[in-house]
């Protein structure tokens, strides 16, 4: 039952951390339109979540630069904080086009 599961997770905080992280991943996926077709396919969602690797970036740190290729099939989902998207066109300085 639910109470037993909660007690088990309290006694095993490392497992609770894992469940919490996966819950956050699932919530993030549900907000990304690319994943909407699979969000109700539990097996596909679990496979995707299992493949996730968490990374943290410092404020002001560049995550990707315009023109970078997808290395190792990576993509990023912002779970916390914000990310500014800057685009450079021609000789003009980079301009902010979005804040995620």
PDB file of N, CA and C in Angstrom:
ATOM      1  N   UNK A   1       0.827  -1.185   0.000  1.00  0.00           N
ATOM      2  CA  UNK A   1       0.000   0.000   0.000  1.00  0.00           C
ATOM      3  C   UNK A   1       0.872   1.250   0.000  1.00  0.00           C
ATOM      4  N   UNK A   2       0.239   2.402  -0.169  1.00  0.00           N
ATOM      5  CA  UNK A   2       0.943   3.680  -0.290  1.00  0.00           C
ATOM      6  C   UNK A   2       1.749   4.023   0.957  1.00  0.00           C
ATOM      7  N   UNK A   3       1.185   3.808   2.138  1.00  0.00           N
ATOM      8  CA  UNK A   3       1.884   4.132   3.388  1.00  0.00           C
ATOM      9  C   UNK A   3       3.141   3.281   3.547  1.00  0.00           C
ATOM     10  N   UNK A   4       3.046   2.013   3.209  1.00  0.00           N
ATOM     11  CA  UNK A   4       4.215   1.127   3.302  1.00  0.00           C
ATOM     12  C   UNK A   4       5.307   1.568   2.343  1.00  0.00           C
ATOM     13  N   UNK A   5       4.915   1.967   1.148  1.00  0.00           N
ATOM     14  CA  UNK A   5       5.891   2.432   0.162  1.00  0.00           C
ATOM     15  C   UNK A   5       6.570   3.702   0.643  1.00  0.00           C
ATOM     16  N   UNK A   6       5.804   4.637   1.199  1.00  0.00           N
ATOM     17  CA  UNK A   6       6.380   5.874   1.724  1.00  0.00           C
ATOM     18  C   UNK A   6       7.369   5.576   2.847  1.00  0.00           C
ATOM     19  N   UNK A   7       7.024   4.669   3.739  1.00  0.00           N
ATOM     20  CA  UNK A   7       7.911   4.297   4.838  1.00  0.00           C
ATOM     21  C   UNK A   7       9.184   3.654   4.297  1.00  0.00           C
ATOM     22  N   UNK A   8       9.040   2.794   3.311  1.00  0.00           N
ATOM     23  CA  UNK A   8      10.194   2.143   2.690  1.00  0.00           C
ATOM     24  C   UNK A   8      11.135   3.185   2.082  1.00  0.00           C
ATOM     25  N   UNK A   9      10.572   4.181   1.396  1.00  0.00           N
ATOM     26  CA  UNK A   9      11.398   5.216   0.775  1.00  0.00           C
ATOM     27  C   UNK A   9      12.062   6.109   1.817  1.00  0.00           C
ATOM     28  N   UNK A  10      11.388   6.352   2.933  1.00  0.00           N
ATOM     29  CA  UNK A  10      11.993   7.133   4.018  1.00  0.00           C
ATOM     30  C   UNK A  10      13.204   6.400   4.577  1.00  0.00           C
ATOM     31  N   UNK A  11      13.087   5.094   4.689  1.00  0.00           N
ATOM     32  CA  UNK A  11      14.187   4.279   5.216  1.00  0.00           C
ATOM     33  C   UNK A  11      15.292   4.056   4.184  1.00  0.00           C
ATOM     34  N   UNK A  12      15.012   4.332   2.932  1.00  0.00           N
ATOM     35  CA  UNK A  12      15.978   4.139   1.848  1.00  0.00           C
ATOM     36  C   UNK A  12      16.034   5.407   0.996  1.00  0.00           C
ATOM     37  N   UNK A  13      16.628   6.485   1.543  1.00  0.00           N
ATOM     38  CA  UNK A  13      16.582   7.779   0.853  1.00  0.00           C
ATOM     39  C   UNK A  13      17.214   7.772  -0.536  1.00  0.00           C
ATOM     40  N   UNK A  14      18.204   6.907  -0.763  1.00  0.00           N
ATOM     41  CA  UNK A  14      18.822   6.871  -2.089  1.00  0.00           C
ATOM     42  C   UNK A  14      17.817   6.419  -3.150  1.00  0.00           C
ATOM     43  N   UNK A  15      16.906   5.531  -2.775  1.00  0.00           N
ATOM     44  CA  UNK A  15      15.859   5.100  -3.707  1.00  0.00           C
ATOM     45  C   UNK A  15      14.850   6.215  -3.935  1.00  0.00           C
ATOM     46  N   UNK A  16      14.511   6.931  -2.860  1.00  0.00           N
ATOM     47  CA  UNK A  16      13.569   8.040  -2.983  1.00  0.00           C
ATOM     48  C   UNK A  16      14.136   9.105  -3.905  1.00  0.00           C
ATOM     49  N   UNK A  17      15.441   9.378  -3.798  1.00  0.00           N
ATOM     50  CA  UNK A  17      16.075  10.353  -4.684  1.00  0.00           C
ATOM     51  C   UNK A  17      15.934   9.921  -6.141  1.00  0.00           C
ATOM     52  N   UNK A  18      16.137   8.637  -6.403  1.00  0.00           N
ATOM     53  CA  UNK A  18      16.008   8.117  -7.765  1.00  0.00           C
ATOM     54  C   UNK A  18      14.593   8.253  -8.292  1.00  0.00           C
ATOM     55  N   UNK A  19      13.604   7.918  -7.460  1.00  0.00           N
ATOM     56  CA  UNK A  19      12.204   8.048  -7.871  1.00  0.00           C
ATOM     57  C   UNK A  19      11.849   9.514  -8.118  1.00  0.00           C
ATOM     58  N   UNK A  20      12.324  10.390  -7.249  1.00  0.00           N
ATOM     59  CA  UNK A  20      12.030  11.818  -7.402  1.00  0.00           C
ATOM     60  C   UNK A  20      12.620  12.356  -8.699  1.00  0.00           C
ATOM     61  N   UNK A  21      13.851  11.951  -8.993  1.00  0.00           N
ATOM     62  CA  UNK A  21      14.502  12.412 -10.222  1.00  0.00           C
ATOM     63  C   UNK A  21      13.738  11.916 -11.446  1.00  0.00           C
ATOM     64  N   UNK A  22      13.320  10.667 -11.445  1.00  0.00           N
ATOM     65  CA  UNK A  22      12.573  10.121 -12.579  1.00  0.00           C
ATOM     66  C   UNK A  22      11.219  10.810 -12.730  1.00  0.00           C
ATOM     67  N   UNK A  23      10.605  11.155 -11.619  1.00  0.00           N
ATOM     68  CA  UNK A  23       9.335  11.883 -11.661  1.00  0.00           C
ATOM     69  C   UNK A  23       9.539  13.254 -12.313  1.00  0.00           C
ATOM     70  N   UNK A  24      10.647  13.910 -11.968  1.00  0.00           N
ATOM     71  CA  UNK A  24      10.961  15.214 -12.563  1.00  0.00           C
ATOM     72  C   UNK A  24      11.206  15.077 -14.062  1.00  0.00           C
ATOM     73  N   UNK A  25      11.905  14.015 -14.468  1.00  0.00           N
ATOM     74  CA  UNK A  25      12.141  13.775 -15.895  1.00  0.00           C
ATOM     75  C   UNK A  25      10.815  13.598 -16.630  1.00  0.00           C
ATOM     76  N   UNK A  26       9.930  12.800 -16.049  1.00  0.00           N
ATOM     77  CA  UNK A  26       8.627  12.545 -16.684  1.00  0.00           C
ATOM     78  C   UNK A  26       7.845  13.855 -16.828  1.00  0.00           C
ATOM     79  N   UNK A  27       7.853  14.676 -15.788  1.00  0.00           N
ATOM     80  CA  UNK A  27       7.144  15.953 -15.855  1.00  0.00           C
ATOM     81  C   UNK A  27       7.744  16.844 -16.936  1.00  0.00           C
ATOM     82  N   UNK A  28       9.066  16.858 -17.035  1.00  0.00           N
ATOM     83  CA  UNK A  28       9.731  17.663 -18.058  1.00  0.00           C
ATOM     84  C   UNK A  28       9.369  17.165 -19.454  1.00  0.00           C
ATOM     85  N   UNK A  29       9.361  15.856 -19.648  1.00  0.00           N
ATOM     86  CA  UNK A  29       9.004  15.296 -20.955  1.00  0.00           C
ATOM     87  C   UNK A  29       7.595  15.694 -21.368  1.00  0.00           C
ATOM     88  N   UNK A  30       6.689  15.744 -20.410  1.00  0.00           N
ATOM     89  CA  UNK A  30       5.296  16.067 -20.734  1.00  0.00           C
ATOM     90  C   UNK A  30       5.146  17.515 -21.201  1.00  0.00           C
ATOM     91  N   UNK A  31       6.169  18.353 -20.960  1.00  0.00           N
ATOM     92  CA  UNK A  31       6.122  19.751 -21.396  1.00  0.00           C
ATOM     93  C   UNK A  31       6.844  19.982 -22.723  1.00  0.00           C
ATOM     94  N   UNK A  32       7.456  18.937 -23.287  1.00  0.00           N
ATOM     95  CA  UNK A  32       8.194  19.071 -24.545  1.00  0.00           C
ATOM     96  C   UNK A  32       7.343  18.466 -25.661  1.00  0.00           C
ATOM     97  N   UNK A  33       6.937  19.298 -26.617  1.00  0.00           N
ATOM     98  CA  UNK A  33       5.981  18.834 -27.637  1.00  0.00           C
ATOM     99  C   UNK A  33       6.503  17.667 -28.458  1.00  0.00           C
ATOM    100  N   UNK A  34       7.806  17.514 -28.614  1.00  0.00           N
ATOM    101  CA  UNK A  34       8.361  16.385 -29.379  1.00  0.00           C
ATOM    102  C   UNK A  34       8.007  15.047 -28.746  1.00  0.00           C
ATOM    103  N   UNK A  35       7.825  15.026 -27.438  1.00  0.00           N
ATOM    104  CA  UNK A  35       7.582  13.769 -26.733  1.00  0.00           C
ATOM    105  C   UNK A  35       6.102  13.464 -26.518  1.00  0.00           C
ATOM    106  N   UNK A  36       5.222  14.380 -26.883  1.00  0.00           N
ATOM    107  CA  UNK A  36       3.793  14.155 -26.659  1.00  0.00           C
ATOM    108  C   UNK A  36       3.270  12.877 -27.321  1.00  0.00           C
ATOM    109  N   UNK A  37       3.741  12.508 -28.538  1.00  0.00           N
ATOM    110  CA  UNK A  37       3.226  11.269 -29.131  1.00  0.00           C
ATOM    111  C   UNK A  37       3.536  10.008 -28.321  1.00  0.00           C
ATOM    112  N   UNK A  38       4.601  10.032 -27.508  1.00  0.00           N
ATOM    113  CA  UNK A  38       4.957   8.818 -26.757  1.00  0.00           C
ATOM    114  C   UNK A  38       4.654   8.906 -25.275  1.00  0.00           C
ATOM    115  N   UNK A  39       4.202  10.061 -24.790  1.00  0.00           N
ATOM    116  CA  UNK A  39       4.085  10.267 -23.345  1.00  0.00           C
ATOM    117  C   UNK A  39       3.144   9.263 -22.683  1.00  0.00           C
ATOM    118  N   UNK A  40       2.221   8.671 -23.433  1.00  0.00           N
ATOM    119  CA  UNK A  40       1.305   7.685 -22.854  1.00  0.00           C
ATOM    120  C   UNK A  40       1.766   6.249 -23.091  1.00  0.00           C
ATOM    121  N   UNK A  41       2.912   6.088 -23.760  1.00  0.00           N
ATOM    122  CA  UNK A  41       3.486   4.756 -23.974  1.00  0.00           C
ATOM    123  C   UNK A  41       4.486   4.508 -22.845  1.00  0.00           C
ATOM    124  N   UNK A  42       4.035   3.845 -21.798  1.00  0.00           N
ATOM    125  CA  UNK A  42       4.830   3.680 -20.576  1.00  0.00           C
ATOM    126  C   UNK A  42       6.189   3.047 -20.848  1.00  0.00           C
ATOM    127  N   UNK A  43       6.256   2.073 -21.722  1.00  0.00           N
ATOM    128  CA  UNK A  43       7.529   1.403 -22.004  1.00  0.00           C
ATOM    129  C   UNK A  43       8.512   2.367 -22.657  1.00  0.00           C
ATOM    130  N   UNK A  44       8.064   3.131 -23.648  1.00  0.00           N
ATOM    131  CA  UNK A  44       8.950   4.087 -24.320  1.00  0.00           C
ATOM    132  C   UNK A  44       9.408   5.181 -23.367  1.00  0.00           C
ATOM    133  N   UNK A  45       8.500   5.660 -22.537  1.00  0.00           N
ATOM    134  CA  UNK A  45       8.856   6.706 -21.575  1.00  0.00           C
ATOM    135  C   UNK A  45       9.893   6.179 -20.587  1.00  0.00           C
ATOM    136  N   UNK A  46       9.703   4.979 -20.081  1.00  0.00           N
ATOM    137  CA  UNK A  46      10.679   4.398 -19.145  1.00  0.00           C
ATOM    138  C   UNK A  46      12.042   4.234 -19.801  1.00  0.00           C
ATOM    139  N   UNK A  47      12.063   3.757 -21.045  1.00  0.00           N
ATOM    140  CA  UNK A  47      13.337   3.601 -21.756  1.00  0.00           C
ATOM    141  C   UNK A  47      14.038   4.943 -21.912  1.00  0.00           C
ATOM    142  N   UNK A  48      13.284   5.961 -22.264  1.00  0.00           N
ATOM    143  CA  UNK A  48      13.857   7.287 -22.438  1.00  0.00           C
ATOM    144  C   UNK A  48      14.385   7.830 -21.114  1.00  0.00           C
ATOM    145  N   UNK A  49      13.601   7.697 -20.062  1.00  0.00           N
ATOM    146  CA  UNK A  49      14.017   8.192 -18.748  1.00  0.00           C
ATOM    147  C   UNK A  49      15.259   7.453 -18.255  1.00  0.00           C
ATOM    148  N   UNK A  50      15.329   6.159 -18.477  1.00  0.00           N
ATOM    149  CA  UNK A  50      16.508   5.388 -18.062  1.00  0.00           C
ATOM    150  C   UNK A  50      17.761   5.860 -18.790  1.00  0.00           C
ATOM    151  N   UNK A  51      17.600   6.391 -20.000  1.00  0.00           N
ATOM    152  CA  UNK A  51      18.750   6.855 -20.780  1.00  0.00           C
ATOM    153  C   UNK A  51      19.198   8.261 -20.372  1.00  0.00           C
ATOM    154  N   UNK A  52      18.377   8.980 -19.619  1.00  0.00           N
ATOM    155  CA  UNK A  52      18.724  10.342 -19.209  1.00  0.00           C
ATOM    156  C   UNK A  52      19.954  10.345 -18.315  1.00  0.00           C
ATOM    157  N   UNK A  53      20.768  11.371 -18.492  1.00  0.00           N
ATOM    158  CA  UNK A  53      21.900  11.620 -17.607  1.00  0.00           C
ATOM    159  C   UNK A  53      21.821  13.082 -17.194  1.00  0.00           C
ATOM    160  N   UNK A  54      21.847  13.311 -15.911  1.00  0.00           N
ATOM    161  CA  UNK A  54      21.726  14.663 -15.394  1.00  0.00           C
ATOM    162  C   UNK A  54      23.059  15.402 -15.516  1.00  0.00           C
ATOM    163  N   UNK A  55      22.988  16.655 -15.938  1.00  0.00           N
ATOM    164  CA  UNK A  55      24.162  17.526 -15.984  1.00  0.00           C
ATOM    165  C   UNK A  55      23.769  18.863 -15.383  1.00  0.00           C
ATOM    166  N   UNK A  56      24.717  19.474 -14.708  1.00  0.00           N
ATOM    167  CA  UNK A  56      24.474  20.799 -14.146  1.00  0.00           C
ATOM    168  C   UNK A  56      25.432  21.784 -14.783  1.00  0.00           C
ATOM    169  N   UNK A  57      24.955  23.000 -14.987  1.00  0.00           N
ATOM    170  CA  UNK A  57      25.764  24.040 -15.591  1.00  0.00           C
ATOM    171  C   UNK A  57      25.726  25.271 -14.703  1.00  0.00           C
ATOM    172  N   UNK A  58      26.849  25.962 -14.630  1.00  0.00           N
ATOM    173  CA  UNK A  58      26.940  27.181 -13.833  1.00  0.00           C
ATOM    174  C   UNK A  58      26.254  28.329 -14.569  1.00  0.00           C
ATOM    175  N   UNK A  59      25.821  29.321 -13.818  1.00  0.00           N
ATOM    176  CA  UNK A  59      25.212  30.498 -14.422  1.00  0.00           C
ATOM    177  C   UNK A  59      26.193  31.115 -15.413  1.00  0.00           C
ATOM    178  N   UNK A  60      25.709  31.409 -16.608  1.00  0.00           N
ATOM    179  CA  UNK A  60      26.545  32.020 -17.635  1.00  0.00           C
ATOM    180  C   UNK A  60      27.351  31.036 -18.469  1.00  0.00           C
ATOM    181  N   UNK A  61      27.350  29.779 -18.079  1.00  0.00           N
ATOM    182  CA  UNK A  61      28.106  28.764 -18.816  1.00  0.00           C
ATOM    183  C   UNK A  61      27.412  28.452 -20.142  1.00  0.00           C
ATOM    184  N   UNK A  62      28.203  28.311 -21.199  1.00  0.00           N
ATOM    185  CA  UNK A  62      27.657  27.981 -22.515  1.00  0.00           C
ATOM    186  C   UNK A  62      27.434  26.482 -22.595  1.00  0.00           C
ATOM    187  N   UNK A  63      26.216  26.084 -22.914  1.00  0.00           N
ATOM    188  CA  UNK A  63      25.855  24.669 -23.022  1.00  0.00           C
ATOM    189  C   UNK A  63      26.110  24.187 -24.445  1.00  0.00           C
ATOM    190  N   UNK A  64      25.620  24.926 -25.414  1.00  0.00           N
ATOM    191  CA  UNK A  64      25.815  24.637 -26.839  1.00  0.00           C
ATOM    192  C   UNK A  64      26.088  25.942 -27.559  1.00  0.00           C
ATOM    193  N   UNK A  65      26.840  25.850 -28.656  1.00  0.00           N
ATOM    194  CA  UNK A  65      27.073  27.029 -29.480  1.00  0.00           C
ATOM    195  C   UNK A  65      26.415  26.827 -30.838  1.00  0.00           C
ATOM    196  N   UNK A  66      25.982  27.912 -31.420  1.00  0.00           N
ATOM    197  CA  UNK A  66      25.371  27.863 -32.745  1.00  0.00           C
ATOM    198  C   UNK A  66      26.311  27.146 -33.703  1.00  0.00           C
ATOM    199  N   UNK A  67      25.769  26.175 -34.423  1.00  0.00           N
ATOM    200  CA  UNK A  67      26.573  25.414 -35.377  1.00  0.00           C
ATOM    201  C   UNK A  67      27.119  24.118 -34.822  1.00  0.00           C
ATOM    202  N   UNK A  68      27.031  23.909 -33.496  1.00  0.00           N
ATOM    203  CA  UNK A  68      27.484  22.639 -32.911  1.00  0.00           C
ATOM    204  C   UNK A  68      26.623  21.501 -33.447  1.00  0.00           C
ATOM    205  N   UNK A  69      27.250  20.372 -33.668  1.00  0.00           N
ATOM    206  CA  UNK A  69      26.519  19.169 -34.066  1.00  0.00           C
ATOM    207  C   UNK A  69      26.093  18.418 -32.818  1.00  0.00           C
ATOM    208  N   UNK A  70      25.059  17.627 -32.947  1.00  0.00           N
ATOM    209  CA  UNK A  70      24.627  16.783 -31.828  1.00  0.00           C
ATOM    210  C   UNK A  70      25.693  15.721 -31.609  1.00  0.00           C
ATOM    211  N   UNK A  71      26.347  15.793 -30.467  1.00  0.00           N
ATOM    212  CA  UNK A  71      27.404  14.843 -30.147  1.00  0.00           C
ATOM    213  C   UNK A  71      26.790  13.701 -29.356  1.00  0.00           C
ATOM    214  N   UNK A  72      27.030  12.492 -29.805  1.00  0.00           N
ATOM    215  CA  UNK A  72      26.518  11.301 -29.119  1.00  0.00           C
ATOM    216  C   UNK A  72      24.997  11.317 -28.965  1.00  0.00           C
ATOM    217  N   UNK A  73      24.298  12.006 -29.846  1.00  0.00           N
ATOM    218  CA  UNK A  73      22.839  12.029 -29.786  1.00  0.00           C
ATOM    219  C   UNK A  73      22.287  12.779 -28.590  1.00  0.00           C
ATOM    220  N   UNK A  74      23.071  13.661 -27.983  1.00  0.00           N
ATOM    221  CA  UNK A  74      22.617  14.397 -26.797  1.00  0.00           C
ATOM    222  C   UNK A  74      21.602  15.472 -27.150  1.00  0.00           C
ATOM    223  N   UNK A  75      20.689  15.682 -26.244  1.00  0.00           N
ATOM    224  CA  UNK A  75      19.814  16.840 -26.259  1.00  0.00           C
ATOM    225  C   UNK A  75      19.613  17.235 -24.806  1.00  0.00           C
ATOM    226  N   UNK A  76      19.131  18.425 -24.580  1.00  0.00           N
ATOM    227  CA  UNK A  76      19.002  18.926 -23.219  1.00  0.00           C
ATOM    228  C   UNK A  76      17.557  19.298 -22.918  1.00  0.00           C
ATOM    229  N   UNK A  77      17.145  18.986 -21.703  1.00  0.00           N
ATOM    230  CA  UNK A  77      15.849  19.386 -21.176  1.00  0.00           C
ATOM    231  C   UNK A  77      16.142  20.165 -19.903  1.00  0.00           C
ATOM    232  N   UNK A  78      15.669  21.398 -19.825  1.00  0.00           N
ATOM    233  CA  UNK A  78      15.923  22.242 -18.656  1.00  0.00           C
ATOM    234  C   UNK A  78      14.951  21.844 -17.549  1.00  0.00           C
ATOM    235  N   UNK A  79      15.500  21.328 -16.442  1.00  0.00           N
ATOM    236  CA  UNK A  79      14.670  20.930 -15.304  1.00  0.00           C
ATOM    237  C   UNK A  79      14.557  22.047 -14.284  1.00  0.00           C
ATOM    238  N   UNK A  80      15.634  22.787 -14.102  1.00  0.00           N
ATOM    239  CA  UNK A  80      15.656  23.894 -13.139  1.00  0.00           C
ATOM    240  C   UNK A  80      16.393  25.060 -13.752  1.00  0.00           C
ATOM    241  N   UNK A  81      16.037  26.244 -13.326  1.00  0.00           N
ATOM    242  CA  UNK A  81      16.738  27.427 -13.796  1.00  0.00           C
ATOM    243  C   UNK A  81      16.254  27.854 -15.168  1.00  0.00           C
ATOM    244  N   UNK A  82      17.098  28.630 -15.836  1.00  0.00           N
ATOM    245  CA  UNK A  82      16.742  29.161 -17.142  1.00  0.00           C
ATOM    246  C   UNK A  82      17.912  29.015 -18.095  1.00  0.00           C
ATOM    247  N   UNK A  83      17.588  29.055 -19.364  1.00  0.00           N
ATOM    248  CA  UNK A  83      18.589  28.963 -20.406  1.00  0.00           C
ATOM    249  C   UNK A  83      18.218  29.981 -21.475  1.00  0.00           C
ATOM    250  N   UNK A  84      19.155  30.820 -21.853  1.00  0.00           N
ATOM    251  CA  UNK A  84      18.886  31.818 -22.881  1.00  0.00           C
ATOM    252  C   UNK A  84      19.393  31.307 -24.224  1.00  0.00           C
ATOM    253  N   UNK A  85      18.580  31.470 -25.255  1.00  0.00           N
ATOM    254  CA  UNK A  85      18.945  31.048 -26.611  1.00  0.00           C
ATOM    255  C   UNK A  85      19.365  32.295 -27.383  1.00  0.00           C
ATOM    256  N   UNK A  86      20.617  32.276 -27.850  1.00  0.00           N
ATOM    257  CA  UNK A  86      21.175  33.404 -28.599  1.00  0.00           C
ATOM    258  C   UNK A  86      21.477  32.935 -30.019  1.00  0.00           C
ATOM    259  N   UNK A  87      21.154  33.784 -31.008  1.00  0.00           N
ATOM    260  CA  UNK A  87      21.413  33.449 -32.410  1.00  0.00           C
ATOM    261  C   UNK A  87      22.171  34.598 -33.057  1.00  0.00           C
ATOM    262  N   UNK A  88      23.219  34.225 -33.783  1.00  0.00           N
ATOM    263  CA  UNK A  88      24.019  35.211 -34.513  1.00  0.00           C
ATOM    264  C   UNK A  88      23.651  35.117 -35.989  1.00  0.00           C
ATOM    265  N   UNK A  89      23.354  36.274 -36.586  1.00  0.00           N
ATOM    266  CA  UNK A  89      23.035  36.333 -38.013  1.00  0.00           C
ATOM    267  C   UNK A  89      24.007  37.284 -38.693  1.00  0.00           C
ATOM    268  N   UNK A  90      24.755  36.730 -39.633  1.00  0.00           N
ATOM    269  CA  UNK A  90      25.707  37.549 -40.379  1.00  0.00           C
ATOM    270  C   UNK A  90      26.736  38.186 -39.470  1.00  0.00           C
ATOM    271  N   UNK A  91      26.986  39.479 -39.697  1.00  0.00           N
ATOM    272  CA  UNK A  91      27.994  40.211 -38.919  1.00  0.00           C
ATOM    273  C   UNK A  91      27.417  40.849 -37.662  1.00  0.00           C
ATOM    274  N   UNK A  92      26.135  40.661 -37.433  1.00  0.00           N
ATOM    275  CA  UNK A  92      25.496  41.261 -36.262  1.00  0.00           C
ATOM    276  C   UNK A  92      25.868  40.480 -35.004  1.00  0.00           C
ATOM    277  N   UNK A  93      25.886  41.156 -33.855  1.00  0.00           N
ATOM    278  CA  UNK A  93      26.156  40.429 -32.601  1.00  0.00           C
ATOM    279  C   UNK A  93      25.006  39.463 -32.292  1.00  0.00           C
ATOM    280  N   UNK A  94      25.276  38.432 -31.499  1.00  0.00           N
ATOM    281  CA  UNK A  94      24.211  37.478 -31.145  1.00  0.00           C
ATOM    282  C   UNK A  94      23.036  38.191 -30.477  1.00  0.00           C
ATOM    283  N   UNK A  95      21.830  37.736 -30.815  1.00  0.00           N
ATOM    284  CA  UNK A  95      20.611  38.307 -30.236  1.00  0.00           C
ATOM    285  C   UNK A  95      19.846  37.212 -29.508  1.00  0.00           C
ATOM    286  N   UNK A  96      19.251  37.571 -28.391  1.00  0.00           N
ATOM    287  CA  UNK A  96      18.441  36.633 -27.618  1.00  0.00           C
ATOM    288  C   UNK A  96      17.113  36.412 -28.337  1.00  0.00           C
ATOM    289  N   UNK A  97      16.779  35.123 -28.587  1.00  0.00           N
ATOM    290  CA  UNK A  97      15.509  34.827 -29.259  1.00  0.00           C
ATOM    291  C   UNK A  97      14.537  34.071 -28.359  1.00  0.00           C
ATOM    292  N   UNK A  98      15.052  33.529 -27.251  1.00  0.00           N
ATOM    293  CA  UNK A  98      14.168  32.782 -26.343  1.00  0.00           C
ATOM    294  C   UNK A  98      14.847  32.605 -24.996  1.00  0.00           C
ATOM    295  N   UNK A  99      14.020  32.407 -23.992  1.00  0.00           N
ATOM    296  CA  UNK A  99      14.498  32.061 -22.651  1.00  0.00           C
ATOM    297  C   UNK A  99      13.698  30.841 -22.221  1.00  0.00           C
ATOM    298  N   UNK A 100      14.404  29.764 -21.953  1.00  0.00           N
ATOM    299  CA  UNK A 100      13.758  28.502 -21.589  1.00  0.00           C
ATOM    300  C   UNK A 100      13.854  28.279 -20.095  1.00  0.00           C
TER     301      UNK A 100
END
